[in-house]
Amino acid sequence: MGGRYEDRAAAFLEKKGLQVIEKNFRCRTGEIDLIAKDGTYLVFVEVKYRHTSESGRAASAVDLRKQRVISRTAKVYLLSRGYGEDTDCRFDVIAFDGSTLRWIKNAFDCL
């Protein structure tokens, strides 16, 4: 099911003018759902889905532990793709609560 929502998130971002350059980047430190370009920014996007709010809202699943994993994985991505330390980066969350999509730009800082 996650792939379906990642595809929806990618289509949404592209409609907003971002260029999705990679999906499901994986390495030993973790995974990043989507990586996109937004002007000069490289955007690392975590996509979360919750059918109901019974187990909390989708965005709340991107807790401090998950933020650390994403941050470490983003650093590996930058090194593996030859990006410099001065690359402008942003960490966004796209949260699906049922059929409602919420885009949280700059959801957290790199840890």
C-alpha atoms as a PDB file:
ATOM      1  CA  MET A   1       0.000   0.000   0.000  1.00  0.00           C
ATOM      2  CA  GLY A   2       2.881   2.370   0.742  1.00  0.00           C
ATOM      3  CA  GLY A   3       3.966   2.417  -2.897  1.00  0.00           C
ATOM      4  CA  ARG A   4       0.561   3.637  -3.990  1.00  0.00           C
ATOM      5  CA  TYR A   5       0.707   6.603  -1.608  1.00  0.00           C
ATOM      6  CA  GLU A   6       4.308   7.350  -2.555  1.00  0.00           C
ATOM      7  CA  ASP A   7       3.196   7.496  -6.202  1.00  0.00           C
ATOM      8  CA  ARG A   8       0.345   9.846  -5.257  1.00  0.00           C
ATOM      9  CA  ALA A   9       2.766  12.023  -3.279  1.00  0.00           C
ATOM     10  CA  ALA A  10       5.220  12.126  -6.195  1.00  0.00           C
ATOM     11  CA  ALA A  11       2.442  13.168  -8.603  1.00  0.00           C
ATOM     12  CA  PHE A  12       1.310  15.860  -6.145  1.00  0.00           C
ATOM     13  CA  LEU A  13       4.835  17.264  -5.817  1.00  0.00           C
ATOM     14  CA  GLU A  14       5.315  17.303  -9.573  1.00  0.00           C
ATOM     15  CA  LYS A  15       2.054  19.245  -9.962  1.00  0.00           C
ATOM     16  CA  LYS A  16       3.490  21.748  -7.472  1.00  0.00           C
ATOM     17  CA  GLY A  17       6.566  22.194  -9.669  1.00  0.00           C
ATOM     18  CA  LEU A  18       9.081  19.906  -7.974  1.00  0.00           C
ATOM     19  CA  GLN A  19      11.090  17.383  -9.972  1.00  0.00           C
ATOM     20  CA  VAL A  20      11.129  13.926  -8.362  1.00  0.00           C
ATOM     21  CA  ILE A  21      14.583  12.515  -9.048  1.00  0.00           C
ATOM     22  CA  GLU A  22      14.516   9.327  -6.996  1.00  0.00           C
ATOM     23  CA  LYS A  23      12.061   7.022  -5.258  1.00  0.00           C
ATOM     24  CA  ASN A  24      12.802   4.641  -2.406  1.00  0.00           C
ATOM     25  CA  PHE A  25      16.501   5.342  -1.933  1.00  0.00           C
ATOM     26  CA  ARG A  26      17.826   2.586   0.322  1.00  0.00           C
ATOM     27  CA  CYS A  27      21.145   2.057   2.026  1.00  0.00           C
ATOM     28  CA  ARG A  28      22.343   0.375   5.206  1.00  0.00           C
ATOM     29  CA  THR A  29      21.238   3.342   7.343  1.00  0.00           C
ATOM     30  CA  GLY A  30      17.637   3.453   6.137  1.00  0.00           C
ATOM     31  CA  GLU A  31      15.281   4.527   3.368  1.00  0.00           C
ATOM     32  CA  ILE A  32      13.997   7.796   1.954  1.00  0.00           C
ATOM     33  CA  ASP A  33      10.664   7.601   0.160  1.00  0.00           C
ATOM     34  CA  LEU A  34      11.126  10.437  -2.339  1.00  0.00           C
ATOM     35  CA  ILE A  35      13.932  12.788  -3.294  1.00  0.00           C
ATOM     36  CA  ALA A  36      13.044  15.852  -5.330  1.00  0.00           C
ATOM     37  CA  LYS A  37      14.451  19.133  -6.571  1.00  0.00           C
ATOM     38  CA  ASP A  38      12.656  22.358  -5.666  1.00  0.00           C
ATOM     39  CA  GLY A  39      14.609  25.179  -7.234  1.00  0.00           C
ATOM     40  CA  THR A  40      18.050  25.048  -5.617  1.00  0.00           C
ATOM     41  CA  TYR A  41      16.836  22.739  -2.831  1.00  0.00           C
ATOM     42  CA  LEU A  42      17.237  19.004  -2.679  1.00  0.00           C
ATOM     43  CA  VAL A  43      14.132  17.801  -0.847  1.00  0.00           C
ATOM     44  CA  PHE A  44      13.998  14.548   1.127  1.00  0.00           C
ATOM     45  CA  VAL A  45      10.384  13.497   1.536  1.00  0.00           C
ATOM     46  CA  GLU A  46       8.890  11.027   3.996  1.00  0.00           C
ATOM     47  CA  VAL A  47       5.437   9.765   3.020  1.00  0.00           C
ATOM     48  CA  LYS A  48       3.122   8.486   5.758  1.00  0.00           C
ATOM     49  CA  TYR A  49      -0.391   7.082   5.534  1.00  0.00           C
ATOM     50  CA  ARG A  50      -3.013   6.346   8.172  1.00  0.00           C
ATOM     51  CA  HIS A  51      -6.399   4.925   7.252  1.00  0.00           C
ATOM     52  CA  THR A  52      -7.906   6.198  10.517  1.00  0.00           C
ATOM     53  CA  SER A  53      -6.674   8.349  13.375  1.00  0.00           C
ATOM     54  CA  GLU A  54      -6.965   5.381  15.743  1.00  0.00           C
ATOM     55  CA  SER A  55      -3.182   5.013  15.913  1.00  0.00           C
ATOM     56  CA  GLY A  56      -2.508   8.762  15.648  1.00  0.00           C
ATOM     57  CA  ARG A  57      -2.134  11.123  12.747  1.00  0.00           C
ATOM     58  CA  ALA A  58       0.180  10.174   9.904  1.00  0.00           C
ATOM     59  CA  ALA A  59       2.637  13.043  10.455  1.00  0.00           C
ATOM     60  CA  SER A  60       3.148  12.080  14.104  1.00  0.00           C
ATOM     61  CA  ALA A  61       4.773   8.837  12.919  1.00  0.00           C
ATOM     62  CA  VAL A  62       7.794  10.893  11.833  1.00  0.00           C
ATOM     63  CA  ASP A  63       9.147  11.027  15.349  1.00  0.00           C
ATOM     64  CA  LEU A  64      12.650  11.945  16.498  1.00  0.00           C
ATOM     65  CA  ARG A  65      13.954   8.418  15.891  1.00  0.00           C
ATOM     66  CA  LYS A  66      12.609   8.424  12.323  1.00  0.00           C
ATOM     67  CA  GLN A  67      14.032  11.923  11.744  1.00  0.00           C
ATOM     68  CA  ARG A  68      17.487  10.676  12.772  1.00  0.00           C
ATOM     69  CA  VAL A  69      17.247   7.733  10.369  1.00  0.00           C
ATOM     70  CA  ILE A  70      16.171  10.004   7.511  1.00  0.00           C
ATOM     71  CA  SER A  71      18.933  12.510   8.307  1.00  0.00           C
ATOM     72  CA  ARG A  72      21.640   9.814   8.314  1.00  0.00           C
ATOM     73  CA  THR A  73      20.289   8.333   5.101  1.00  0.00           C
ATOM     74  CA  ALA A  74      20.206  11.767   3.456  1.00  0.00           C
ATOM     75  CA  LYS A  75      23.887  12.251   4.306  1.00  0.00           C
ATOM     76  CA  VAL A  76      24.710   8.914   2.672  1.00  0.00           C
ATOM     77  CA  TYR A  77      22.689   9.936  -0.387  1.00  0.00           C
ATOM     78  CA  LEU A  78      24.511  13.262  -0.689  1.00  0.00           C
ATOM     79  CA  LEU A  79      27.915  11.569  -0.498  1.00  0.00           C
ATOM     80  CA  SER A  80      26.984   8.736  -2.852  1.00  0.00           C
ATOM     81  CA  ARG A  81      25.667  11.128  -5.510  1.00  0.00           C
ATOM     82  CA  GLY A  82      28.543  13.614  -5.293  1.00  0.00           C
ATOM     83  CA  TYR A  83      26.661  16.530  -3.743  1.00  0.00           C
ATOM     84  CA  GLY A  84      28.767  18.986  -1.783  1.00  0.00           C
ATOM     85  CA  GLU A  85      28.379  19.934   1.866  1.00  0.00           C
ATOM     86  CA  ASP A  86      26.955  23.278   0.785  1.00  0.00           C
ATOM     87  CA  THR A  87      23.940  21.676  -0.929  1.00  0.00           C
ATOM     88  CA  ASP A  88      20.678  23.315   0.138  1.00  0.00           C
ATOM     89  CA  CYS A  89      18.499  20.564   1.619  1.00  0.00           C
ATOM     90  CA  ARG A  90      15.029  20.387   3.082  1.00  0.00           C
ATOM     91  CA  PHE A  91      13.106  17.641   4.874  1.00  0.00           C
ATOM     92  CA  ASP A  92       9.393  17.467   4.062  1.00  0.00           C
ATOM     93  CA  VAL A  93       6.611  15.131   5.127  1.00  0.00           C
ATOM     94  CA  ILE A  94       3.581  14.248   3.063  1.00  0.00           C
ATOM     95  CA  ALA A  95       0.934  12.855   5.378  1.00  0.00           C
ATOM     96  CA  PHE A  96      -2.182  11.067   4.210  1.00  0.00           C
ATOM     97  CA  ASP A  97      -4.877  10.878   6.879  1.00  0.00           C
ATOM     98  CA  GLY A  98      -7.540   8.888   5.104  1.00  0.00           C
ATOM     99  CA  SER A  99      -8.058  10.717   1.814  1.00  0.00           C
ATOM    100  CA  THR A 100      -6.650  14.025   3.087  1.00  0.00           C
ATOM    101  CA  LEU A 101      -3.150  14.949   1.939  1.00  0.00           C
ATOM    102  CA  ARG A 102      -1.079  17.369   4.000  1.00  0.00           C
ATOM    103  CA  TRP A 103       2.293  18.661   2.773  1.00  0.00           C
ATOM    104  CA  ILE A 104       4.556  19.794   5.589  1.00  0.00           C
ATOM    105  CA  LYS A 105       7.475  21.715   4.135  1.00  0.00           C
ATOM    106  CA  ASN A 106      10.586  21.948   6.295  1.00  0.00           C
ATOM    107  CA  ALA A 107       9.055  19.459   8.707  1.00  0.00           C
ATOM    108  CA  PHE A 108      12.329  19.027  10.583  1.00  0.00           C
ATOM    109  CA  ASP A 109      16.009  19.962  10.458  1.00  0.00           C
ATOM    110  CA  CYS A 110      18.814  17.552   9.685  1.00  0.00           C
ATOM    111  CA  LEU A 111      19.911  15.862  12.872  1.00  0.00           C
END
